[in-house]
């Protein structure tokens, strides 16, 4: 398990689970089942200009991202929230959503590799 992966930092999860590989596997699987749907909701709300909904979903997804240990995704979600607060959503949002999708793809790959090493 590579803890120095810039995409994935399992320090918090390992500590929270007391290095229990079974618990870590369970949390990672749950995240992999739920996070893609949340990202889809962000994308859908953004396409339809529902910025308050985008901000709300991004905000609610952040604790899961922090818990699992995905710093790049955390930074993107924080940027999305900031852009909405500052009313810059329409200008910067397409690139942020693309970056978020890419980060999720990379995170998914890293998490799937981690599941292999945990089993």
Protein backbone atom coordinates (compact mmCIF):
# COMPACT_ATOMS: atom_id res chain seq x y z
CA UNK A 1 0.00 0.00 0.00
CA UNK A 2 1.57 3.28 -1.12
CA UNK A 3 0.82 5.98 1.45
CA UNK A 4 2.85 8.61 -0.43
CA UNK A 5 0.60 8.55 -3.49
CA UNK A 6 -0.27 12.20 -4.23
CA UNK A 7 -3.78 11.14 -5.26
CA UNK A 8 -4.43 9.04 -2.19
CA UNK A 9 -3.34 9.53 1.43
CA UNK A 10 -4.62 6.71 3.63
CA UNK A 11 -3.17 8.05 6.89
CA UNK A 12 -6.47 9.19 8.38
CA UNK A 13 -8.36 6.08 7.27
CA UNK A 14 -5.65 3.76 8.61
CA UNK A 15 -5.65 5.55 11.95
CA UNK A 16 -9.45 5.67 12.14
CA UNK A 17 -9.67 1.94 11.41
CA UNK A 18 -6.72 1.06 13.68
CA UNK A 19 -5.06 -0.57 10.67
CA UNK A 20 -7.99 -2.99 10.37
CA UNK A 21 -7.80 -3.97 6.70
CA UNK A 22 -11.35 -5.31 6.69
CA UNK A 23 -12.79 -2.01 7.95
CA UNK A 24 -10.66 -0.02 5.52
CA UNK A 25 -11.89 -2.20 2.67
CA UNK A 26 -15.48 -1.66 3.74
CA UNK A 27 -15.12 2.14 3.85
CA UNK A 28 -13.34 2.26 0.49
CA UNK A 29 -16.00 0.09 -1.15
CA UNK A 30 -18.79 2.24 0.27
CA UNK A 31 -17.07 5.35 -1.06
CA UNK A 32 -16.63 3.78 -4.51
CA UNK A 33 -20.34 2.92 -4.56
CA UNK A 34 -21.61 6.36 -3.52
CA UNK A 35 -19.16 9.02 -4.73
CA UNK A 36 -19.68 8.58 -8.49
CA UNK A 37 -23.40 9.26 -8.06
CA UNK A 38 -22.65 12.41 -6.07
CA UNK A 39 -20.32 13.62 -8.82
CA UNK A 40 -23.03 12.94 -11.37
CA UNK A 41 -25.42 15.06 -9.29
CA UNK A 42 -22.87 17.89 -9.20
CA UNK A 43 -22.48 17.72 -12.97
CA UNK A 44 -26.24 17.61 -13.57
CA UNK A 45 -26.96 20.51 -11.22
CA UNK A 46 -24.18 22.57 -12.82
CA UNK A 47 -25.42 21.96 -16.35
CA UNK A 48 -28.81 23.21 -15.24
CA UNK A 49 -27.39 26.25 -13.40
CA UNK A 50 -28.50 25.09 -9.95
CA UNK A 51 -25.46 26.56 -8.19
CA UNK A 52 -26.82 26.33 -4.64
CA UNK A 53 -27.40 22.61 -5.21
CA UNK A 54 -23.90 22.20 -6.64
CA UNK A 55 -22.42 23.93 -3.59
CA UNK A 56 -24.52 21.80 -1.23
CA UNK A 57 -23.52 18.51 -2.87
CA UNK A 58 -19.85 19.52 -3.05
CA UNK A 59 -19.95 20.51 0.61
CA UNK A 60 -21.59 17.23 1.68
CA UNK A 61 -19.11 15.16 -0.35
CA UNK A 62 -16.07 16.84 1.19
CA UNK A 63 -16.06 14.87 4.50
CA UNK A 64 -16.07 11.57 2.60
CA UNK A 65 -13.21 12.78 0.41
CA UNK A 66 -11.22 13.84 3.49
CA UNK A 67 -12.02 10.58 5.31
CA UNK A 68 -10.87 8.40 2.42
CA UNK A 69 -7.83 10.63 1.85
CA UNK A 70 -8.15 12.30 -1.54
CA UNK A 71 -6.45 15.71 -1.18
CA UNK A 72 -6.67 16.69 -4.86
CA UNK A 73 -10.42 16.08 -4.90
CA UNK A 74 -10.79 17.96 -1.62
CA UNK A 75 -9.05 20.98 -3.12
CA UNK A 76 -11.28 20.86 -6.21
CA UNK A 77 -14.46 20.66 -4.13
CA UNK A 78 -13.28 23.62 -2.05
CA UNK A 79 -12.55 25.54 -5.27
CA UNK A 80 -16.03 24.74 -6.59
CA UNK A 81 -17.60 26.05 -3.39
CA UNK A 82 -15.47 29.19 -3.55
CA UNK A 83 -16.33 29.84 -7.20
CA UNK A 84 -20.03 29.62 -6.37
CA UNK A 85 -19.70 31.89 -3.34
CA UNK A 86 -17.84 34.44 -5.47
CA UNK A 87 -20.34 34.07 -8.35
CA UNK A 88 -17.69 32.86 -10.79
CA UNK A 89 -19.42 29.52 -11.34
CA UNK A 90 -20.34 29.86 -14.98
CA UNK A 91 -16.88 31.03 -16.03
CA UNK A 92 -14.73 28.42 -14.35
CA UNK A 93 -17.10 25.57 -13.72
CA UNK A 94 -16.64 23.49 -16.90
CA UNK A 95 -12.91 23.12 -16.27
CA UNK A 96 -13.43 22.43 -12.56
CA UNK A 97 -15.96 19.69 -13.31
CA UNK A 98 -13.59 18.17 -15.88
CA UNK A 99 -10.77 18.28 -13.32
CA UNK A 100 -13.04 16.73 -10.68
CA UNK A 101 -14.03 13.91 -13.03
CA UNK A 102 -10.37 13.26 -13.86
CA UNK A 103 -9.43 13.30 -10.18
CA UNK A 104 -12.24 10.83 -9.42
CA UNK A 105 -11.03 8.55 -12.19
CA UNK A 106 -7.48 8.60 -10.80
CA UNK A 107 -8.78 8.17 -7.24
CA UNK A 108 -10.90 5.21 -8.30
CA UNK A 109 -7.86 3.55 -9.89
CA UNK A 110 -5.78 4.13 -6.75
CA UNK A 111 -8.56 2.92 -4.46
CA UNK A 112 -9.10 -0.22 -6.53
CA UNK A 113 -5.35 -0.94 -6.35
CA UNK A 114 -5.53 -0.37 -2.61
CA UNK A 115 -8.39 -2.85 -2.28
CA UNK A 116 -6.21 -5.47 -3.98
CA UNK A 117 -3.40 -4.88 -1.50
CA UNK A 118 -5.80 -4.95 1.46
CA UNK A 119 -7.29 -8.32 0.55
